[in-house]
Amino acid sequence: MPHERPRDMNMSLMILLVDMDAFFASVEQAHHPHLRGKPVIVCGDPGRRGVVTAASYEARPFGVHAGMPLAEARRLCPAAEYVEGNPTSTWRCRSSCSISTRATAPTSSRSASTRRSSV
């Protein structure tokens, strides 16, 4: 006799991943048009030691990714635009929250059991 799933398990399951690893770099590109199409690396103070907070899709082919030491990012992509992230500024918080909400809102309207998570 084949194993049968309980009746309530017959619903299909869909998992949607929204990659927002480049989110803060995209926000910078949206607010500063001269950065569009260029490799952008968002970090703390670019003149100090630190890590990459976000890397634009243009920086990724060089091997740059979030969490990487800035020294390594500079070695891999010296021509990148290094932008200091400032999440406490009013315009950035307002814009970032708006963009984030717009990015994830379609998933919430499709299902009553939507769960958001972050790593």
C-alpha atoms as a PDB file:
ATOM      1  CA  MET A   1       0.000   0.000   0.000  1.00  0.00           C
ATOM      2  CA  PRO A   2       1.575   3.322  -1.049  1.00  0.00           C
ATOM      3  CA  HIS A   3       2.154   6.009   1.538  1.00  0.00           C
ATOM      4  CA  GLU A   4      -0.573   8.624   1.361  1.00  0.00           C
ATOM      5  CA  ARG A   5      -0.192  12.210   2.519  1.00  0.00           C
ATOM      6  CA  PRO A   6      -2.817  13.629   4.857  1.00  0.00           C
ATOM      7  CA  ARG A   7      -5.562  15.527   3.035  1.00  0.00           C
ATOM      8  CA  ASP A   8      -4.309  18.976   4.125  1.00  0.00           C
ATOM      9  CA  MET A   9      -0.835  18.205   2.709  1.00  0.00           C
ATOM     10  CA  ASN A  10      -2.167  17.974  -0.864  1.00  0.00           C
ATOM     11  CA  MET A  11      -1.723  21.709  -1.302  1.00  0.00           C
ATOM     12  CA  SER A  12       1.307  22.575  -3.390  1.00  0.00           C
ATOM     13  CA  LEU A  13       4.194  24.321  -1.701  1.00  0.00           C
ATOM     14  CA  MET A  14       6.094  27.131  -3.343  1.00  0.00           C
ATOM     15  CA  ILE A  15       9.244  28.687  -1.955  1.00  0.00           C
ATOM     16  CA  LEU A  16      10.217  32.083  -3.322  1.00  0.00           C
ATOM     17  CA  LEU A  17      13.643  33.523  -2.664  1.00  0.00           C
ATOM     18  CA  VAL A  18      14.068  37.264  -3.091  1.00  0.00           C
ATOM     19  CA  ASP A  19      17.800  37.937  -3.302  1.00  0.00           C
ATOM     20  CA  MET A  20      18.339  41.238  -1.575  1.00  0.00           C
ATOM     21  CA  ASP A  21      22.079  40.843  -1.069  1.00  0.00           C
ATOM     22  CA  ALA A  22      22.705  43.776  -3.437  1.00  0.00           C
ATOM     23  CA  PHE A  23      19.836  45.778  -1.938  1.00  0.00           C
ATOM     24  CA  PHE A  24      21.811  48.669  -0.413  1.00  0.00           C
ATOM     25  CA  ALA A  25      23.990  48.973  -3.521  1.00  0.00           C
ATOM     26  CA  SER A  26      20.817  49.184  -5.633  1.00  0.00           C
ATOM     27  CA  VAL A  27      19.438  51.892  -3.325  1.00  0.00           C
ATOM     28  CA  GLU A  28      22.640  53.911  -3.837  1.00  0.00           C
ATOM     29  CA  GLN A  29      22.383  53.464  -7.607  1.00  0.00           C
ATOM     30  CA  ALA A  30      18.753  54.573  -7.532  1.00  0.00           C
ATOM     31  CA  HIS A  31      19.561  57.735  -5.564  1.00  0.00           C
ATOM     32  CA  HIS A  32      22.807  58.557  -7.377  1.00  0.00           C
ATOM     33  CA  PRO A  33      22.363  58.070 -11.135  1.00  0.00           C
ATOM     34  CA  HIS A  34      26.096  58.491 -11.817  1.00  0.00           C
ATOM     35  CA  LEU A  35      26.624  55.127 -10.037  1.00  0.00           C
ATOM     36  CA  ARG A  36      24.292  53.200 -12.348  1.00  0.00           C
ATOM     37  CA  GLY A  37      26.055  50.594 -14.464  1.00  0.00           C
ATOM     38  CA  LYS A  38      29.217  50.807 -12.346  1.00  0.00           C
ATOM     39  CA  PRO A  39      30.495  48.383  -9.721  1.00  0.00           C
ATOM     40  CA  VAL A  40      29.323  49.795  -6.378  1.00  0.00           C
ATOM     41  CA  ILE A  41      30.470  48.581  -2.988  1.00  0.00           C
ATOM     42  CA  VAL A  42      28.616  49.770   0.106  1.00  0.00           C
ATOM     43  CA  CYS A  43      30.662  49.671   3.282  1.00  0.00           C
ATOM     44  CA  GLY A  44      31.465  51.597   6.419  1.00  0.00           C
ATOM     45  CA  ASP A  45      34.099  54.318   6.119  1.00  0.00           C
ATOM     46  CA  PRO A  46      35.851  53.429   2.831  1.00  0.00           C
ATOM     47  CA  GLY A  47      39.114  54.841   4.166  1.00  0.00           C
ATOM     48  CA  ARG A  48      39.253  52.416   7.081  1.00  0.00           C
ATOM     49  CA  ARG A  49      39.342  48.700   7.656  1.00  0.00           C
ATOM     50  CA  GLY A  50      35.991  46.953   7.361  1.00  0.00           C
ATOM     51  CA  VAL A  51      33.791  44.649   5.339  1.00  0.00           C
ATOM     52  CA  VAL A  52      31.542  44.899   2.303  1.00  0.00           C
ATOM     53  CA  THR A  53      27.937  45.488   3.344  1.00  0.00           C
ATOM     54  CA  ALA A  54      26.563  45.075  -0.182  1.00  0.00           C
ATOM     55  CA  ALA A  55      27.995  44.727  -3.678  1.00  0.00           C
ATOM     56  CA  SER A  56      26.137  45.686  -6.846  1.00  0.00           C
ATOM     57  CA  TYR A  57      25.571  43.146  -9.582  1.00  0.00           C
ATOM     58  CA  GLU A  58      28.248  44.948 -11.596  1.00  0.00           C
ATOM     59  CA  ALA A  59      30.805  44.197  -8.846  1.00  0.00           C
ATOM     60  CA  ARG A  60      29.936  40.506  -8.578  1.00  0.00           C
ATOM     61  CA  PRO A  61      31.800  39.295 -11.699  1.00  0.00           C
ATOM     62  CA  PHE A  62      34.995  40.524 -10.010  1.00  0.00           C
ATOM     63  CA  GLY A  63      34.282  38.190  -7.082  1.00  0.00           C
ATOM     64  CA  VAL A  64      33.132  40.861  -4.619  1.00  0.00           C
ATOM     65  CA  HIS A  65      30.360  39.876  -2.192  1.00  0.00           C
ATOM     66  CA  ALA A  66      28.849  40.932   1.123  1.00  0.00           C
ATOM     67  CA  GLY A  67      30.921  40.086   4.183  1.00  0.00           C
ATOM     68  CA  MET A  68      34.234  40.226   2.312  1.00  0.00           C
ATOM     69  CA  PRO A  69      37.056  42.327   3.829  1.00  0.00           C
ATOM     70  CA  LEU A  70      37.351  45.710   2.088  1.00  0.00           C
ATOM     71  CA  ALA A  71      41.045  45.145   1.417  1.00  0.00           C
ATOM     72  CA  GLU A  72      40.204  42.045  -0.612  1.00  0.00           C
ATOM     73  CA  ALA A  73      37.370  43.846  -2.432  1.00  0.00           C
ATOM     74  CA  ARG A  74      39.779  46.658  -3.384  1.00  0.00           C
ATOM     75  CA  ARG A  75      42.248  44.124  -4.724  1.00  0.00           C
ATOM     76  CA  LEU A  76      39.577  42.349  -6.788  1.00  0.00           C
ATOM     77  CA  CYS A  77      37.779  45.470  -8.039  1.00  0.00           C
ATOM     78  CA  PRO A  78      39.942  48.590  -7.678  1.00  0.00           C
ATOM     79  CA  ALA A  79      37.771  50.652 -10.056  1.00  0.00           C
ATOM     80  CA  ALA A  80      34.616  50.188  -7.971  1.00  0.00           C
ATOM     81  CA  GLU A  81      32.821  53.108  -6.384  1.00  0.00           C
ATOM     82  CA  TYR A  82      33.085  52.704  -2.601  1.00  0.00           C
ATOM     83  CA  VAL A  83      30.092  54.288  -0.884  1.00  0.00           C
ATOM     84  CA  GLU A  84      29.698  54.688   2.857  1.00  0.00           C
ATOM     85  CA  GLY A  85      26.368  53.284   3.968  1.00  0.00           C
ATOM     86  CA  ASN A  86      24.357  55.571   6.221  1.00  0.00           C
ATOM     87  CA  PRO A  87      21.127  53.833   7.262  1.00  0.00           C
ATOM     88  CA  THR A  88      20.303  56.481   9.877  1.00  0.00           C
ATOM     89  CA  SER A  89      19.757  59.281   7.379  1.00  0.00           C
ATOM     90  CA  THR A  90      16.066  60.058   7.000  1.00  0.00           C
ATOM     91  CA  TRP A  91      15.873  59.884   3.223  1.00  0.00           C
ATOM     92  CA  ARG A  92      17.667  56.529   3.075  1.00  0.00           C
ATOM     93  CA  CYS A  93      15.510  54.909   5.752  1.00  0.00           C
ATOM     94  CA  ARG A  94      12.317  56.142   4.137  1.00  0.00           C
ATOM     95  CA  SER A  95      13.389  55.110   0.638  1.00  0.00           C
ATOM     96  CA  SER A  96      14.939  51.793   1.686  1.00  0.00           C
ATOM     97  CA  CYS A  97      11.870  50.737   3.652  1.00  0.00           C
ATOM     98  CA  SER A  98       9.633  51.712   0.752  1.00  0.00           C
ATOM     99  CA  ILE A  99      11.719  49.742  -1.754  1.00  0.00           C
ATOM    100  CA  SER A 100      11.971  46.737   0.578  1.00  0.00           C
ATOM    101  CA  THR A 101       8.220  46.725   1.167  1.00  0.00           C
ATOM    102  CA  ARG A 102       7.507  46.959  -2.567  1.00  0.00           C
ATOM    103  CA  ALA A 103       9.921  44.082  -3.232  1.00  0.00           C
ATOM    104  CA  THR A 104       8.267  41.708  -0.765  1.00  0.00           C
ATOM    105  CA  ALA A 105       4.619  42.861  -0.912  1.00  0.00           C
ATOM    106  CA  PRO A 106       3.610  40.668  -3.885  1.00  0.00           C
ATOM    107  CA  THR A 107       4.426  37.524  -1.895  1.00  0.00           C
ATOM    108  CA  SER A 108       2.244  38.581   1.040  1.00  0.00           C
ATOM    109  CA  SER A 109      -0.822  39.118  -1.122  1.00  0.00           C
ATOM    110  CA  ARG A 110      -0.598  35.619  -2.654  1.00  0.00           C
ATOM    111  CA  SER A 111      -0.760  33.550   0.500  1.00  0.00           C
ATOM    112  CA  ALA A 112      -1.989  33.716   4.054  1.00  0.00           C
ATOM    113  CA  SER A 113       1.024  31.705   5.191  1.00  0.00           C
ATOM    114  CA  THR A 114       3.803  33.945   3.906  1.00  0.00           C
ATOM    115  CA  ARG A 115       6.881  34.087   6.103  1.00  0.00           C
ATOM    116  CA  ARG A 116       9.686  36.580   5.712  1.00  0.00           C
ATOM    117  CA  SER A 117      13.131  35.767   7.000  1.00  0.00           C
ATOM    118  CA  SER A 118      16.596  37.218   6.789  1.00  0.00           C
ATOM    119  CA  VAL A 119      20.096  35.929   7.308  1.00  0.00           C
END
